[in-house]
Amino acid sequence: MTTAKQILLEELNEPVHIEPVENVIFWALEHYANSEPTNTIGRHIAYAIMQRIKDAEAKEETTNPTKE
């Protein structure tokens, strides 16, 4: 496992920040996915991950609607 992956996993598992780390990672992916230049492999990977998260959250919302 790379050092970066190990640190990210530790940060995700230790709720010590005011903002959830998964939110910060998502926002960073979203920013990178929408940045220039648009035709890079990294941008495509960021976009694919971001879209998987959005699709899974939308599916989860439709199968488990929040009761208010």
PDB file of N, CA and C in Angstrom:
ATOM      1  N   MET A   1       0.842  -1.175   0.000  1.00  0.00           N
ATOM      2  CA  MET A   1       0.000   0.000   0.000  1.00  0.00           C
ATOM      3  C   MET A   1       0.888   1.239   0.000  1.00  0.00           C
ATOM      4  N   THR A   2       0.510   2.216  -0.804  1.00  0.00           N
ATOM      5  CA  THR A   2       1.303   3.434  -0.858  1.00  0.00           C
ATOM      6  C   THR A   2       1.089   4.263   0.409  1.00  0.00           C
ATOM      7  N   THR A   3       2.032   5.133   0.669  1.00  0.00           N
ATOM      8  CA  THR A   3       1.936   6.009   1.834  1.00  0.00           C
ATOM      9  C   THR A   3       0.702   6.891   1.736  1.00  0.00           C
ATOM     10  N   ALA A   4       0.436   7.431   0.559  1.00  0.00           N
ATOM     11  CA  ALA A   4      -0.729   8.301   0.369  1.00  0.00           C
ATOM     12  C   ALA A   4      -2.025   7.553   0.676  1.00  0.00           C
ATOM     13  N   LYS A   5      -2.148   6.329   0.154  1.00  0.00           N
ATOM     14  CA  LYS A   5      -3.353   5.538   0.398  1.00  0.00           C
ATOM     15  C   LYS A   5      -3.510   5.244   1.883  1.00  0.00           C
ATOM     16  N   GLN A   6      -2.414   4.894   2.539  1.00  0.00           N
ATOM     17  CA  GLN A   6      -2.454   4.590   3.967  1.00  0.00           C
ATOM     18  C   GLN A   6      -2.922   5.812   4.769  1.00  0.00           C
ATOM     19  N   ILE A   7      -2.378   6.969   4.456  1.00  0.00           N
ATOM     20  CA  ILE A   7      -2.762   8.193   5.170  1.00  0.00           C
ATOM     21  C   ILE A   7      -4.221   8.537   4.908  1.00  0.00           C
ATOM     22  N   LEU A   8      -4.666   8.438   3.651  1.00  0.00           N
ATOM     23  CA  LEU A   8      -6.066   8.721   3.336  1.00  0.00           C
ATOM     24  C   LEU A   8      -7.004   7.785   4.092  1.00  0.00           C
ATOM     25  N   LEU A   9      -6.678   6.514   4.131  1.00  0.00           N
ATOM     26  CA  LEU A   9      -7.521   5.562   4.859  1.00  0.00           C
ATOM     27  C   LEU A   9      -7.549   5.873   6.354  1.00  0.00           C
ATOM     28  N   GLU A  10      -6.398   6.234   6.922  1.00  0.00           N
ATOM     29  CA  GLU A  10      -6.353   6.621   8.331  1.00  0.00           C
ATOM     30  C   GLU A  10      -7.226   7.844   8.580  1.00  0.00           C
ATOM     31  N   GLU A  11      -7.120   8.841   7.711  1.00  0.00           N
ATOM     32  CA  GLU A  11      -7.912  10.066   7.860  1.00  0.00           C
ATOM     33  C   GLU A  11      -9.409   9.777   7.750  1.00  0.00           C
ATOM     34  N   LEU A  12      -9.780   8.876   6.853  1.00  0.00           N
ATOM     35  CA  LEU A  12     -11.190   8.518   6.704  1.00  0.00           C
ATOM     36  C   LEU A  12     -11.724   7.780   7.925  1.00  0.00           C
ATOM     37  N   ASN A  13     -10.872   7.023   8.588  1.00  0.00           N
ATOM     38  CA  ASN A  13     -11.299   6.220   9.736  1.00  0.00           C
ATOM     39  C   ASN A  13     -11.210   6.940  11.071  1.00  0.00           C
ATOM     40  N   GLU A  14     -10.530   8.081  11.120  1.00  0.00           N
ATOM     41  CA  GLU A  14     -10.365   8.823  12.370  1.00  0.00           C
ATOM     42  C   GLU A  14     -11.124  10.145  12.272  1.00  0.00           C
ATOM     43  N   PRO A  15     -12.296  10.222  12.899  1.00  0.00           N
ATOM     44  CA  PRO A  15     -13.099  11.447  12.780  1.00  0.00           C
ATOM     45  C   PRO A  15     -12.565  12.573  13.679  1.00  0.00           C
ATOM     46  N   VAL A  16     -11.449  13.152  13.299  1.00  0.00           N
ATOM     47  CA  VAL A  16     -10.838  14.198  14.126  1.00  0.00           C
ATOM     48  C   VAL A  16     -10.964  15.592  13.518  1.00  0.00           C
ATOM     49  N   HIS A  17     -11.544  15.686  12.330  1.00  0.00           N
ATOM     50  CA  HIS A  17     -11.661  16.969  11.661  1.00  0.00           C
ATOM     51  C   HIS A  17     -13.089  17.501  11.773  1.00  0.00           C
ATOM     52  N   ILE A  18     -13.233  18.804  11.699  1.00  0.00           N
ATOM     53  CA  ILE A  18     -14.548  19.427  11.765  1.00  0.00           C
ATOM     54  C   ILE A  18     -15.395  19.013  10.562  1.00  0.00           C
ATOM     55  N   GLU A  19     -14.789  18.994   9.399  1.00  0.00           N
ATOM     56  CA  GLU A  19     -15.477  18.595   8.168  1.00  0.00           C
ATOM     57  C   GLU A  19     -15.117  17.144   7.866  1.00  0.00           C
ATOM     58  N   PRO A  20     -16.106  16.301   7.533  1.00  0.00           N
ATOM     59  CA  PRO A  20     -15.779  14.917   7.194  1.00  0.00           C
ATOM     60  C   PRO A  20     -14.788  14.849   6.020  1.00  0.00           C
ATOM     61  N   VAL A  21     -13.782  14.028   6.173  1.00  0.00           N
ATOM     62  CA  VAL A  21     -12.722  13.910   5.171  1.00  0.00           C
ATOM     63  C   VAL A  21     -13.285  13.458   3.828  1.00  0.00           C
ATOM     64  N   GLU A  22     -14.305  12.591   3.846  1.00  0.00           N
ATOM     65  CA  GLU A  22     -14.873  12.134   2.582  1.00  0.00           C
ATOM     66  C   GLU A  22     -15.493  13.294   1.798  1.00  0.00           C
ATOM     67  N   ASN A  23     -16.036  14.288   2.497  1.00  0.00           N
ATOM     68  CA  ASN A  23     -16.562  15.472   1.808  1.00  0.00           C
ATOM     69  C   ASN A  23     -15.438  16.256   1.147  1.00  0.00           C
ATOM     70  N   VAL A  24     -14.346  16.437   1.866  1.00  0.00           N
ATOM     71  CA  VAL A  24     -13.210  17.195   1.332  1.00  0.00           C
ATOM     72  C   VAL A  24     -12.630  16.488   0.114  1.00  0.00           C
ATOM     73  N   ILE A  25     -12.505  15.174   0.189  1.00  0.00           N
ATOM     74  CA  ILE A  25     -11.984  14.406  -0.939  1.00  0.00           C
ATOM     75  C   ILE A  25     -12.930  14.521  -2.132  1.00  0.00           C
ATOM     76  N   PHE A  26     -14.246  14.432  -1.886  1.00  0.00           N
ATOM     77  CA  PHE A  26     -15.211  14.561  -2.979  1.00  0.00           C
ATOM     78  C   PHE A  26     -15.097  15.934  -3.635  1.00  0.00           C
ATOM     79  N   TRP A  27     -15.033  16.994  -2.827  1.00  0.00           N
ATOM     80  CA  TRP A  27     -14.929  18.350  -3.378  1.00  0.00           C
ATOM     81  C   TRP A  27     -13.653  18.517  -4.201  1.00  0.00           C
ATOM     82  N   ALA A  28     -12.557  17.918  -3.723  1.00  0.00           N
ATOM     83  CA  ALA A  28     -11.300  17.995  -4.471  1.00  0.00           C
ATOM     84  C   ALA A  28     -11.424  17.257  -5.811  1.00  0.00           C
ATOM     85  N   LEU A  29     -12.051  16.088  -5.791  1.00  0.00           N
ATOM     86  CA  LEU A  29     -12.274  15.350  -7.036  1.00  0.00           C
ATOM     87  C   LEU A  29     -13.158  16.150  -7.982  1.00  0.00           C
ATOM     88  N   GLU A  30     -14.208  16.738  -7.444  1.00  0.00           N
ATOM     89  CA  GLU A  30     -15.119  17.531  -8.269  1.00  0.00           C
ATOM     90  C   GLU A  30     -14.403  18.730  -8.889  1.00  0.00           C
ATOM     91  N   HIS A  31     -13.595  19.401  -8.080  1.00  0.00           N
ATOM     92  CA  HIS A  31     -12.845  20.551  -8.588  1.00  0.00           C
ATOM     93  C   HIS A  31     -11.882  20.120  -9.702  1.00  0.00           C
ATOM     94  N   TYR A  32     -11.154  19.045  -9.450  1.00  0.00           N
ATOM     95  CA  TYR A  32     -10.196  18.553 -10.438  1.00  0.00           C
ATOM     96  C   TYR A  32     -10.904  18.071 -11.700  1.00  0.00           C
ATOM     97  N   ALA A  33     -12.037  17.392 -11.542  1.00  0.00           N
ATOM     98  CA  ALA A  33     -12.787  16.884 -12.696  1.00  0.00           C
ATOM     99  C   ALA A  33     -13.291  18.015 -13.582  1.00  0.00           C
ATOM    100  N   ASN A  34     -13.516  19.170 -12.998  1.00  0.00           N
ATOM    101  CA  ASN A  34     -14.035  20.310 -13.758  1.00  0.00           C
ATOM    102  C   ASN A  34     -12.960  21.328 -14.113  1.00  0.00           C
ATOM    103  N   SER A  35     -11.704  20.974 -13.921  1.00  0.00           N
ATOM    104  CA  SER A  35     -10.613  21.919 -14.168  1.00  0.00           C
ATOM    105  C   SER A  35     -10.046  21.767 -15.582  1.00  0.00           C
ATOM    106  N   GLU A  36      -9.176  22.664 -15.930  1.00  0.00           N
ATOM    107  CA  GLU A  36      -8.471  22.632 -17.212  1.00  0.00           C
ATOM    108  C   GLU A  36      -7.060  22.112 -16.979  1.00  0.00           C
ATOM    109  N   PRO A  37      -6.427  21.474 -17.894  1.00  0.00           N
ATOM    110  CA  PRO A  37      -6.950  21.014 -19.180  1.00  0.00           C
ATOM    111  C   PRO A  37      -7.929  19.851 -18.968  1.00  0.00           C
ATOM    112  N   THR A  38      -8.879  19.742 -19.852  1.00  0.00           N
ATOM    113  CA  THR A  38      -9.945  18.758 -19.672  1.00  0.00           C
ATOM    114  C   THR A  38      -9.595  17.371 -20.178  1.00  0.00           C
ATOM    115  N   ASN A  39      -8.604  17.238 -21.003  1.00  0.00           N
ATOM    116  CA  ASN A  39      -8.324  15.948 -21.625  1.00  0.00           C
ATOM    117  C   ASN A  39      -7.096  15.267 -21.017  1.00  0.00           C
ATOM    118  N   THR A  40      -7.143  15.057 -19.691  1.00  0.00           N
ATOM    119  CA  THR A  40      -6.048  14.343 -19.037  1.00  0.00           C
ATOM    120  C   THR A  40      -6.601  13.076 -18.389  1.00  0.00           C
ATOM    121  N   ILE A  41      -5.755  12.107 -18.223  1.00  0.00           N
ATOM    122  CA  ILE A  41      -6.178  10.854 -17.595  1.00  0.00           C
ATOM    123  C   ILE A  41      -6.620  11.105 -16.158  1.00  0.00           C
ATOM    124  N   GLY A  42      -5.877  11.926 -15.435  1.00  0.00           N
ATOM    125  CA  GLY A  42      -6.238  12.232 -14.047  1.00  0.00           C
ATOM    126  C   GLY A  42      -7.615  12.856 -13.930  1.00  0.00           C
ATOM    127  N   ARG A  43      -7.920  13.772 -14.850  1.00  0.00           N
ATOM    128  CA  ARG A  43      -9.230  14.411 -14.838  1.00  0.00           C
ATOM    129  C   ARG A  43     -10.325  13.389 -15.119  1.00  0.00           C
ATOM    130  N   HIS A  44     -10.095  12.483 -16.045  1.00  0.00           N
ATOM    131  CA  HIS A  44     -11.079  11.450 -16.361  1.00  0.00           C
ATOM    132  C   HIS A  44     -11.294  10.508 -15.169  1.00  0.00           C
ATOM    133  N   ILE A  45     -10.223  10.175 -14.477  1.00  0.00           N
ATOM    134  CA  ILE A  45     -10.344   9.312 -13.298  1.00  0.00           C
ATOM    135  C   ILE A  45     -11.126  10.031 -12.204  1.00  0.00           C
ATOM    136  N   ALA A  46     -10.788  11.304 -11.957  1.00  0.00           N
ATOM    137  CA  ALA A  46     -11.499  12.089 -10.948  1.00  0.00           C
ATOM    138  C   ALA A  46     -12.986  12.172 -11.280  1.00  0.00           C
ATOM    139  N   TYR A  47     -13.298  12.415 -12.555  1.00  0.00           N
ATOM    140  CA  TYR A  47     -14.689  12.510 -12.982  1.00  0.00           C
ATOM    141  C   TYR A  47     -15.412  11.175 -12.770  1.00  0.00           C
ATOM    142  N   ALA A  48     -14.768  10.077 -13.115  1.00  0.00           N
ATOM    143  CA  ALA A  48     -15.391   8.753 -12.979  1.00  0.00           C
ATOM    144  C   ALA A  48     -15.685   8.433 -11.518  1.00  0.00           C
ATOM    145  N   ILE A  49     -14.746   8.724 -10.638  1.00  0.00           N
ATOM    146  CA  ILE A  49     -14.958   8.470  -9.207  1.00  0.00           C
ATOM    147  C   ILE A  49     -16.078   9.353  -8.685  1.00  0.00           C
ATOM    148  N   MET A  50     -16.038  10.641  -9.029  1.00  0.00           N
ATOM    149  CA  MET A  50     -17.060  11.591  -8.600  1.00  0.00           C
ATOM    150  C   MET A  50     -18.440  11.127  -9.077  1.00  0.00           C
ATOM    151  N   GLN A  51     -18.532  10.693 -10.317  1.00  0.00           N
ATOM    152  CA  GLN A  51     -19.816  10.261 -10.867  1.00  0.00           C
ATOM    153  C   GLN A  51     -20.306   8.988 -10.189  1.00  0.00           C
ATOM    154  N   ARG A  52     -19.407   8.076  -9.876  1.00  0.00           N
ATOM    155  CA  ARG A  52     -19.807   6.850  -9.152  1.00  0.00           C
ATOM    156  C   ARG A  52     -20.415   7.200  -7.802  1.00  0.00           C
ATOM    157  N   ILE A  53     -19.810   8.164  -7.113  1.00  0.00           N
ATOM    158  CA  ILE A  53     -20.324   8.588  -5.809  1.00  0.00           C
ATOM    159  C   ILE A  53     -21.709   9.215  -5.973  1.00  0.00           C
ATOM    160  N   LYS A  54     -21.851  10.129  -6.936  1.00  0.00           N
ATOM    161  CA  LYS A  54     -23.148  10.779  -7.170  1.00  0.00           C
ATOM    162  C   LYS A  54     -24.219   9.750  -7.526  1.00  0.00           C
ATOM    163  N   ASP A  55     -23.894   8.813  -8.398  1.00  0.00           N
ATOM    164  CA  ASP A  55     -24.861   7.797  -8.803  1.00  0.00           C
ATOM    165  C   ASP A  55     -25.264   6.912  -7.624  1.00  0.00           C
ATOM    166  N   ALA A  56     -24.309   6.501  -6.817  1.00  0.00           N
ATOM    167  CA  ALA A  56     -24.602   5.653  -5.660  1.00  0.00           C
ATOM    168  C   ALA A  56     -25.446   6.398  -4.637  1.00  0.00           C
ATOM    169  N   GLU A  57     -25.142   7.684  -4.414  1.00  0.00           N
ATOM    170  CA  GLU A  57     -25.934   8.475  -3.471  1.00  0.00           C
ATOM    171  C   GLU A  57     -27.357   8.678  -3.989  1.00  0.00           C
ATOM    172  N   ALA A  58     -27.508   8.905  -5.285  1.00  0.00           N
ATOM    173  CA  ALA A  58     -28.847   9.073  -5.863  1.00  0.00           C
ATOM    174  C   ALA A  58     -29.648   7.770  -5.747  1.00  0.00           C
ATOM    175  N   LYS A  59     -28.996   6.651  -6.016  1.00  0.00           N
ATOM    176  CA  LYS A  59     -29.668   5.355  -5.896  1.00  0.00           C
ATOM    177  C   LYS A  59     -30.058   5.093  -4.451  1.00  0.00           C
ATOM    178  N   GLU A  60     -29.168   5.417  -3.527  1.00  0.00           N
ATOM    179  CA  GLU A  60     -29.444   5.222  -2.106  1.00  0.00           C
ATOM    180  C   GLU A  60     -30.629   6.087  -1.666  1.00  0.00           C
ATOM    181  N   GLU A  61     -30.706   7.307  -2.178  1.00  0.00           N
ATOM    182  CA  GLU A  61     -31.808   8.203  -1.847  1.00  0.00           C
ATOM    183  C   GLU A  61     -33.143   7.655  -2.331  1.00  0.00           C
ATOM    184  N   THR A  62     -33.142   7.039  -3.492  1.00  0.00           N
ATOM    185  CA  THR A  62     -34.406   6.518  -4.023  1.00  0.00           C
ATOM    186  C   THR A  62     -34.830   5.240  -3.322  1.00  0.00           C
ATOM    187  N   THR A  63     -33.879   4.447  -2.836  1.00  0.00           N
ATOM    188  CA  THR A  63     -34.227   3.205  -2.144  1.00  0.00           C
ATOM    189  C   THR A  63     -34.454   3.428  -0.653  1.00  0.00           C
ATOM    190  N   ASN A  64     -33.829   4.459  -0.086  1.00  0.00           N
ATOM    191  CA  ASN A  64     -33.980   4.775   1.334  1.00  0.00           C
ATOM    192  C   ASN A  64     -34.257   6.259   1.512  1.00  0.00           C
ATOM    193  N   PRO A  65     -35.449   6.727   1.133  1.00  0.00           N
ATOM    194  CA  PRO A  65     -35.732   8.158   1.265  1.00  0.00           C
ATOM    195  C   PRO A  65     -35.696   8.596   2.724  1.00  0.00           C
ATOM    196  N   THR A  66     -35.196   9.804   2.929  1.00  0.00           N
ATOM    197  CA  THR A  66     -35.105  10.356   4.266  1.00  0.00           C
ATOM    198  C   THR A  66     -36.499  10.739   4.749  1.00  0.00           C
ATOM    199  N   LYS A  67     -36.812  10.323   5.958  1.00  0.00           N
ATOM    200  CA  LYS A  67     -38.116  10.684   6.528  1.00  0.00           C
ATOM    201  C   LYS A  67     -37.975  11.985   7.279  1.00  0.00           C
ATOM    202  N   GLU A  68     -38.803  12.959   6.929  1.00  0.00           N
ATOM    203  CA  GLU A  68     -38.775  14.246   7.609  1.00  0.00           C
ATOM    204  C   GLU A  68     -40.107  14.542   8.219  1.00  0.00           C
TER     205      GLU A  68
END
